[in-house]
Amino acid sequence: MRFVMLKSINGDPMLVNIAAVRTVATINMAGADVGVLSFDGAHEVVVGSTVIEVHAAIEAAGQAIAPVRSIA
């Protein structure tokens, strides 16, 4: 397990096990872009960190990020 520090939706710090994160997306919530972490098909968490901040935290922890795949 590898944990990174992200921001919760209210700005407080939170630890996230990046090994369990499958996807990261952005939604606009009340005019602010926030991240949505998907752990599996049934579990998602909205965080105050943006996708760019999540990727930076993952890379800083030494974890490789899978390339983006497009479905065509």
PDB file of N, CA and C in Angstrom:
ATOM      1  N   MET A   1       0.836  -1.175   0.000  1.00  0.00           N
ATOM      2  CA  MET A   1       0.000   0.000   0.000  1.00  0.00           C
ATOM      3  C   MET A   1       0.884   1.242   0.000  1.00  0.00           C
ATOM      4  N   ARG A   2       0.456   2.233  -0.732  1.00  0.00           N
ATOM      5  CA  ARG A   2       1.171   3.499  -0.779  1.00  0.00           C
ATOM      6  C   ARG A   2       0.155   4.622  -0.626  1.00  0.00           C
ATOM      7  N   PHE A   3       0.363   5.451   0.370  1.00  0.00           N
ATOM      8  CA  PHE A   3      -0.583   6.519   0.657  1.00  0.00           C
ATOM      9  C   PHE A   3      -0.012   7.862   0.218  1.00  0.00           C
ATOM     10  N   VAL A   4      -0.898   8.734  -0.275  1.00  0.00           N
ATOM     11  CA  VAL A   4      -0.528  10.106  -0.602  1.00  0.00           C
ATOM     12  C   VAL A   4      -1.483  11.044   0.119  1.00  0.00           C
ATOM     13  N   MET A   5      -1.010  12.260   0.362  1.00  0.00           N
ATOM     14  CA  MET A   5      -1.822  13.273   1.019  1.00  0.00           C
ATOM     15  C   MET A   5      -2.530  14.097  -0.051  1.00  0.00           C
ATOM     16  N   LEU A   6      -3.853  14.133   0.027  1.00  0.00           N
ATOM     17  CA  LEU A   6      -4.674  14.958  -0.855  1.00  0.00           C
ATOM     18  C   LEU A   6      -5.516  15.882   0.009  1.00  0.00           C
ATOM     19  N   LYS A   7      -6.324  16.716  -0.634  1.00  0.00           N
ATOM     20  CA  LYS A   7      -7.229  17.602   0.099  1.00  0.00           C
ATOM     21  C   LYS A   7      -8.634  17.018   0.044  1.00  0.00           C
ATOM     22  N   SER A   8      -9.311  17.061   1.177  1.00  0.00           N
ATOM     23  CA  SER A   8     -10.720  16.673   1.177  1.00  0.00           C
ATOM     24  C   SER A   8     -11.521  17.805   0.555  1.00  0.00           C
ATOM     25  N   ILE A   9     -12.793  17.597   0.372  1.00  0.00           N
ATOM     26  CA  ILE A   9     -13.641  18.588  -0.275  1.00  0.00           C
ATOM     27  C   ILE A   9     -13.694  19.899   0.510  1.00  0.00           C
ATOM     28  N   ASN A  10     -13.492  19.841   1.830  1.00  0.00           N
ATOM     29  CA  ASN A  10     -13.489  21.069   2.633  1.00  0.00           C
ATOM     30  C   ASN A  10     -12.085  21.613   2.866  1.00  0.00           C
ATOM     31  N   GLY A  11     -11.085  21.026   2.205  1.00  0.00           N
ATOM     32  CA  GLY A  11      -9.716  21.534   2.279  1.00  0.00           C
ATOM     33  C   GLY A  11      -8.834  20.879   3.313  1.00  0.00           C
ATOM     34  N   ASP A  12      -9.402  20.030   4.164  1.00  0.00           N
ATOM     35  CA  ASP A  12      -8.595  19.328   5.160  1.00  0.00           C
ATOM     36  C   ASP A  12      -7.753  18.248   4.487  1.00  0.00           C
ATOM     37  N   PRO A  13      -6.605  17.935   5.064  1.00  0.00           N
ATOM     38  CA  PRO A  13      -5.779  16.871   4.480  1.00  0.00           C
ATOM     39  C   PRO A  13      -6.428  15.498   4.665  1.00  0.00           C
ATOM     40  N   MET A  14      -6.198  14.619   3.703  1.00  0.00           N
ATOM     41  CA  MET A  14      -6.684  13.244   3.809  1.00  0.00           C
ATOM     42  C   MET A  14      -5.680  12.314   3.149  1.00  0.00           C
ATOM     43  N   LEU A  15      -5.535  11.125   3.700  1.00  0.00           N
ATOM     44  CA  LEU A  15      -4.656  10.115   3.123  1.00  0.00           C
ATOM     45  C   LEU A  15      -5.453   9.205   2.206  1.00  0.00           C
ATOM     46  N   VAL A  16      -4.880   8.904   1.045  1.00  0.00           N
ATOM     47  CA  VAL A  16      -5.538   8.030   0.077  1.00  0.00           C
ATOM     48  C   VAL A  16      -4.556   6.943  -0.334  1.00  0.00           C
ATOM     49  N   ASN A  17      -5.008   5.713  -0.327  1.00  0.00           N
ATOM     50  CA  ASN A  17      -4.203   4.586  -0.797  1.00  0.00           C
ATOM     51  C   ASN A  17      -4.232   4.610  -2.319  1.00  0.00           C
ATOM     52  N   ILE A  18      -3.138   5.059  -2.941  1.00  0.00           N
ATOM     53  CA  ILE A  18      -3.144   5.209  -4.398  1.00  0.00           C
ATOM     54  C   ILE A  18      -3.148   3.876  -5.129  1.00  0.00           C
ATOM     55  N   ALA A  19      -2.778   2.813  -4.439  1.00  0.00           N
ATOM     56  CA  ALA A  19      -2.806   1.502  -5.080  1.00  0.00           C
ATOM     57  C   ALA A  19      -4.234   1.073  -5.399  1.00  0.00           C
ATOM     58  N   ALA A  20      -5.201   1.629  -4.677  1.00  0.00           N
ATOM     59  CA  ALA A  20      -6.599   1.255  -4.887  1.00  0.00           C
ATOM     60  C   ALA A  20      -7.314   2.156  -5.895  1.00  0.00           C
ATOM     61  N   VAL A  21      -6.701   3.292  -6.256  1.00  0.00           N
ATOM     62  CA  VAL A  21      -7.341   4.227  -7.185  1.00  0.00           C
ATOM     63  C   VAL A  21      -7.240   3.684  -8.603  1.00  0.00           C
ATOM     64  N   ARG A  22      -8.384   3.640  -9.290  1.00  0.00           N
ATOM     65  CA  ARG A  22      -8.418   3.145 -10.671  1.00  0.00           C
ATOM     66  C   ARG A  22      -8.502   4.276 -11.690  1.00  0.00           C
ATOM     67  N   THR A  23      -9.269   5.315 -11.394  1.00  0.00           N
ATOM     68  CA  THR A  23      -9.382   6.450 -12.312  1.00  0.00           C
ATOM     69  C   THR A  23      -9.507   7.741 -11.516  1.00  0.00           C
ATOM     70  N   VAL A  24      -9.137   8.833 -12.172  1.00  0.00           N
ATOM     71  CA  VAL A  24      -9.291  10.166 -11.604  1.00  0.00           C
ATOM     72  C   VAL A  24      -9.974  11.024 -12.656  1.00  0.00           C
ATOM     73  N   ALA A  25     -11.021  11.715 -12.261  1.00  0.00           N
ATOM     74  CA  ALA A  25     -11.765  12.569 -13.191  1.00  0.00           C
ATOM     75  C   ALA A  25     -12.004  13.919 -12.534  1.00  0.00           C
ATOM     76  N   THR A  26     -12.469  14.872 -13.336  1.00  0.00           N
ATOM     77  CA  THR A  26     -12.787  16.214 -12.843  1.00  0.00           C
ATOM     78  C   THR A  26     -14.274  16.465 -12.993  1.00  0.00           C
ATOM     79  N   ILE A  27     -14.860  17.071 -11.966  1.00  0.00           N
ATOM     80  CA  ILE A  27     -16.223  17.575 -12.072  1.00  0.00           C
ATOM     81  C   ILE A  27     -16.213  19.024 -11.603  1.00  0.00           C
ATOM     82  N   ASN A  28     -17.181  19.786 -12.053  1.00  0.00           N
ATOM     83  CA  ASN A  28     -17.319  21.165 -11.605  1.00  0.00           C
ATOM     84  C   ASN A  28     -18.394  21.179 -10.535  1.00  0.00           C
ATOM     85  N   MET A  29     -18.004  21.624  -9.353  1.00  0.00           N
ATOM     86  CA  MET A  29     -18.914  21.623  -8.220  1.00  0.00           C
ATOM     87  C   MET A  29     -18.978  23.042  -7.666  1.00  0.00           C
ATOM     88  N   ALA A  30     -20.107  23.692  -7.844  1.00  0.00           N
ATOM     89  CA  ALA A  30     -20.307  25.068  -7.367  1.00  0.00           C
ATOM     90  C   ALA A  30     -19.253  26.014  -7.933  1.00  0.00           C
ATOM     91  N   GLY A  31     -18.898  25.807  -9.200  1.00  0.00           N
ATOM     92  CA  GLY A  31     -17.956  26.695  -9.867  1.00  0.00           C
ATOM     93  C   GLY A  31     -16.492  26.362  -9.672  1.00  0.00           C
ATOM     94  N   ALA A  32     -16.184  25.306  -8.938  1.00  0.00           N
ATOM     95  CA  ALA A  32     -14.792  24.906  -8.712  1.00  0.00           C
ATOM     96  C   ALA A  32     -14.569  23.501  -9.260  1.00  0.00           C
ATOM     97  N   ASP A  33     -13.451  23.308  -9.952  1.00  0.00           N
ATOM     98  CA  ASP A  33     -13.105  21.976 -10.425  1.00  0.00           C
ATOM     99  C   ASP A  33     -12.529  21.164  -9.281  1.00  0.00           C
ATOM    100  N   VAL A  34     -13.090  19.987  -9.057  1.00  0.00           N
ATOM    101  CA  VAL A  34     -12.616  19.078  -8.017  1.00  0.00           C
ATOM    102  C   VAL A  34     -12.411  17.707  -8.636  1.00  0.00           C
ATOM    103  N   GLY A  35     -11.672  16.867  -7.953  1.00  0.00           N
ATOM    104  CA  GLY A  35     -11.383  15.534  -8.460  1.00  0.00           C
ATOM    105  C   GLY A  35     -12.358  14.502  -7.932  1.00  0.00           C
ATOM    106  N   VAL A  36     -12.550  13.466  -8.738  1.00  0.00           N
ATOM    107  CA  VAL A  36     -13.336  12.302  -8.329  1.00  0.00           C
ATOM    108  C   VAL A  36     -12.442  11.085  -8.490  1.00  0.00           C
ATOM    109  N   LEU A  37     -12.174  10.396  -7.376  1.00  0.00           N
ATOM    110  CA  LEU A  37     -11.369   9.183  -7.401  1.00  0.00           C
ATOM    111  C   LEU A  37     -12.297   7.985  -7.466  1.00  0.00           C
ATOM    112  N   SER A  38     -12.062   7.105  -8.419  1.00  0.00           N
ATOM    113  CA  SER A  38     -12.841   5.870  -8.529  1.00  0.00           C
ATOM    114  C   SER A  38     -11.960   4.717  -8.078  1.00  0.00           C
ATOM    115  N   PHE A  39     -12.501   3.927  -7.161  1.00  0.00           N
ATOM    116  CA  PHE A  39     -11.759   2.789  -6.642  1.00  0.00           C
ATOM    117  C   PHE A  39     -12.181   1.491  -7.309  1.00  0.00           C
ATOM    118  N   ASP A  40     -13.431   1.375  -7.635  1.00  0.00           N
ATOM    119  CA  ASP A  40     -13.959   0.258  -8.403  1.00  0.00           C
ATOM    120  C   ASP A  40     -15.288   0.723  -8.970  1.00  0.00           C
ATOM    121  N   GLY A  41     -16.061  -0.164  -9.517  1.00  0.00           N
ATOM    122  CA  GLY A  41     -17.306   0.239 -10.141  1.00  0.00           C
ATOM    123  C   GLY A  41     -18.332   0.834  -9.192  1.00  0.00           C
ATOM    124  N   ALA A  42     -18.199   0.588  -7.899  1.00  0.00           N
ATOM    125  CA  ALA A  42     -19.231   1.015  -6.955  1.00  0.00           C
ATOM    126  C   ALA A  42     -18.778   2.081  -5.964  1.00  0.00           C
ATOM    127  N   HIS A  43     -17.491   2.423  -5.940  1.00  0.00           N
ATOM    128  CA  HIS A  43     -16.989   3.344  -4.922  1.00  0.00           C
ATOM    129  C   HIS A  43     -16.230   4.499  -5.549  1.00  0.00           C
ATOM    130  N   GLU A  44     -16.725   5.710  -5.285  1.00  0.00           N
ATOM    131  CA  GLU A  44     -16.081   6.936  -5.740  1.00  0.00           C
ATOM    132  C   GLU A  44     -16.035   7.923  -4.579  1.00  0.00           C
ATOM    133  N   VAL A  45     -15.019   8.782  -4.594  1.00  0.00           N
ATOM    134  CA  VAL A  45     -14.864   9.802  -3.564  1.00  0.00           C
ATOM    135  C   VAL A  45     -14.553  11.124  -4.251  1.00  0.00           C
ATOM    136  N   VAL A  46     -15.279  12.179  -3.866  1.00  0.00           N
ATOM    137  CA  VAL A  46     -14.981  13.518  -4.361  1.00  0.00           C
ATOM    138  C   VAL A  46     -13.937  14.123  -3.437  1.00  0.00           C
ATOM    139  N   VAL A  47     -12.868  14.657  -4.022  1.00  0.00           N
ATOM    140  CA  VAL A  47     -11.797  15.280  -3.235  1.00  0.00           C
ATOM    141  C   VAL A  47     -11.610  16.722  -3.692  1.00  0.00           C
ATOM    142  N   GLY A  48     -11.016  17.528  -2.847  1.00  0.00           N
ATOM    143  CA  GLY A  48     -10.765  18.917  -3.187  1.00  0.00           C
ATOM    144  C   GLY A  48      -9.561  19.089  -4.096  1.00  0.00           C
ATOM    145  N   SER A  49      -8.767  18.052  -4.262  1.00  0.00           N
ATOM    146  CA  SER A  49      -7.601  18.100  -5.136  1.00  0.00           C
ATOM    147  C   SER A  49      -8.034  17.963  -6.591  1.00  0.00           C
ATOM    148  N   THR A  50      -7.345  18.684  -7.471  1.00  0.00           N
ATOM    149  CA  THR A  50      -7.622  18.569  -8.906  1.00  0.00           C
ATOM    150  C   THR A  50      -6.918  17.342  -9.465  1.00  0.00           C
ATOM    151  N   VAL A  51      -7.245  16.978 -10.687  1.00  0.00           N
ATOM    152  CA  VAL A  51      -6.601  15.838 -11.343  1.00  0.00           C
ATOM    153  C   VAL A  51      -5.094  16.060 -11.425  1.00  0.00           C
ATOM    154  N   ILE A  52      -4.686  17.272 -11.755  1.00  0.00           N
ATOM    155  CA  ILE A  52      -3.254  17.579 -11.851  1.00  0.00           C
ATOM    156  C   ILE A  52      -2.574  17.398 -10.492  1.00  0.00           C
ATOM    157  N   GLU A  53      -3.214  17.835  -9.423  1.00  0.00           N
ATOM    158  CA  GLU A  53      -2.647  17.664  -8.075  1.00  0.00           C
ATOM    159  C   GLU A  53      -2.582  16.194  -7.683  1.00  0.00           C
ATOM    160  N   VAL A  54      -3.589  15.417  -8.061  1.00  0.00           N
ATOM    161  CA  VAL A  54      -3.587  13.980  -7.762  1.00  0.00           C
ATOM    162  C   VAL A  54      -2.451  13.297  -8.510  1.00  0.00           C
ATOM    163  N   HIS A  55      -2.293  13.604  -9.795  1.00  0.00           N
ATOM    164  CA  HIS A  55      -1.202  13.011 -10.580  1.00  0.00           C
ATOM    165  C   HIS A  55       0.155  13.392 -10.003  1.00  0.00           C
ATOM    166  N   ALA A  56       0.332  14.655  -9.601  1.00  0.00           N
ATOM    167  CA  ALA A  56       1.599  15.098  -9.018  1.00  0.00           C
ATOM    168  C   ALA A  56       1.897  14.342  -7.727  1.00  0.00           C
ATOM    169  N   ALA A  57       0.887  14.128  -6.890  1.00  0.00           N
ATOM    170  CA  ALA A  57       1.080  13.396  -5.631  1.00  0.00           C
ATOM    171  C   ALA A  57       1.456  11.949  -5.898  1.00  0.00           C
ATOM    172  N   ILE A  58       0.818  11.350  -6.886  1.00  0.00           N
ATOM    173  CA  ILE A  58       1.120   9.956  -7.229  1.00  0.00           C
ATOM    174  C   ILE A  58       2.552   9.840  -7.754  1.00  0.00           C
ATOM    175  N   GLU A  59       2.942  10.742  -8.647  1.00  0.00           N
ATOM    176  CA  GLU A  59       4.298  10.704  -9.190  1.00  0.00           C
ATOM    177  C   GLU A  59       5.340  10.994  -8.113  1.00  0.00           C
ATOM    178  N   ALA A  60       5.032  11.922  -7.191  1.00  0.00           N
ATOM    179  CA  ALA A  60       5.958  12.240  -6.098  1.00  0.00           C
ATOM    180  C   ALA A  60       6.160  11.039  -5.180  1.00  0.00           C
ATOM    181  N   ALA A  61       5.163  10.176  -5.096  1.00  0.00           N
ATOM    182  CA  ALA A  61       5.262   8.971  -4.266  1.00  0.00           C
ATOM    183  C   ALA A  61       6.012   7.854  -4.978  1.00  0.00           C
ATOM    184  N   GLY A  62       6.438   8.118  -6.220  1.00  0.00           N
ATOM    185  CA  GLY A  62       7.204   7.125  -6.961  1.00  0.00           C
ATOM    186  C   GLY A  62       6.364   6.104  -7.690  1.00  0.00           C
ATOM    187  N   GLN A  63       5.081   6.372  -7.821  1.00  0.00           N
ATOM    188  CA  GLN A  63       4.174   5.444  -8.504  1.00  0.00           C
ATOM    189  C   GLN A  63       4.009   5.880  -9.948  1.00  0.00           C
ATOM    190  N   ALA A  64       4.068   4.946 -10.868  1.00  0.00           N
ATOM    191  CA  ALA A  64       3.865   5.259 -12.272  1.00  0.00           C
ATOM    192  C   ALA A  64       2.376   5.438 -12.549  1.00  0.00           C
ATOM    193  N   ILE A  65       2.074   6.328 -13.461  1.00  0.00           N
ATOM    194  CA  ILE A  65       0.688   6.558 -13.865  1.00  0.00           C
ATOM    195  C   ILE A  65       0.494   5.904 -15.223  1.00  0.00           C
ATOM    196  N   ALA A  66      -0.558   5.114 -15.321  1.00  0.00           N
ATOM    197  CA  ALA A  66      -0.854   4.447 -16.586  1.00  0.00           C
ATOM    198  C   ALA A  66      -1.232   5.492 -17.628  1.00  0.00           C
ATOM    199  N   PRO A  67      -0.807   5.290 -18.863  1.00  0.00           N
ATOM    200  CA  PRO A  67      -1.160   6.249 -19.906  1.00  0.00           C
ATOM    201  C   PRO A  67      -2.673   6.268 -20.144  1.00  0.00           C
ATOM    202  N   VAL A  68      -3.148   7.391 -20.613  1.00  0.00           N
ATOM    203  CA  VAL A  68      -4.563   7.534 -20.914  1.00  0.00           C
ATOM    204  C   VAL A  68      -4.901   6.696 -22.134  1.00  0.00           C
ATOM    205  N   ARG A  69      -5.965   5.935 -22.028  1.00  0.00           N
ATOM    206  CA  ARG A  69      -6.412   5.114 -23.159  1.00  0.00           C
ATOM    207  C   ARG A  69      -7.680   5.698 -23.713  1.00  0.00           C
ATOM    208  N   SER A  70      -7.739   5.840 -24.995  1.00  0.00           N
ATOM    209  CA  SER A  70      -8.972   6.329 -25.602  1.00  0.00           C
ATOM    210  C   SER A  70      -9.706   5.167 -26.244  1.00  0.00           C
ATOM    211  N   ILE A  71     -11.013   5.239 -26.173  1.00  0.00           N
ATOM    212  CA  ILE A  71     -11.840   4.197 -26.775  1.00  0.00           C
ATOM    213  C   ILE A  71     -12.343   4.757 -28.098  1.00  0.00           C
ATOM    214  N   ALA A  72     -11.923   4.137 -29.164  1.00  0.00           N
ATOM    215  CA  ALA A  72     -12.322   4.638 -30.490  1.00  0.00           C
ATOM    216  C   ALA A  72     -13.032   3.587 -31.289  1.00  0.00           C
TER     217      ALA A  72
END
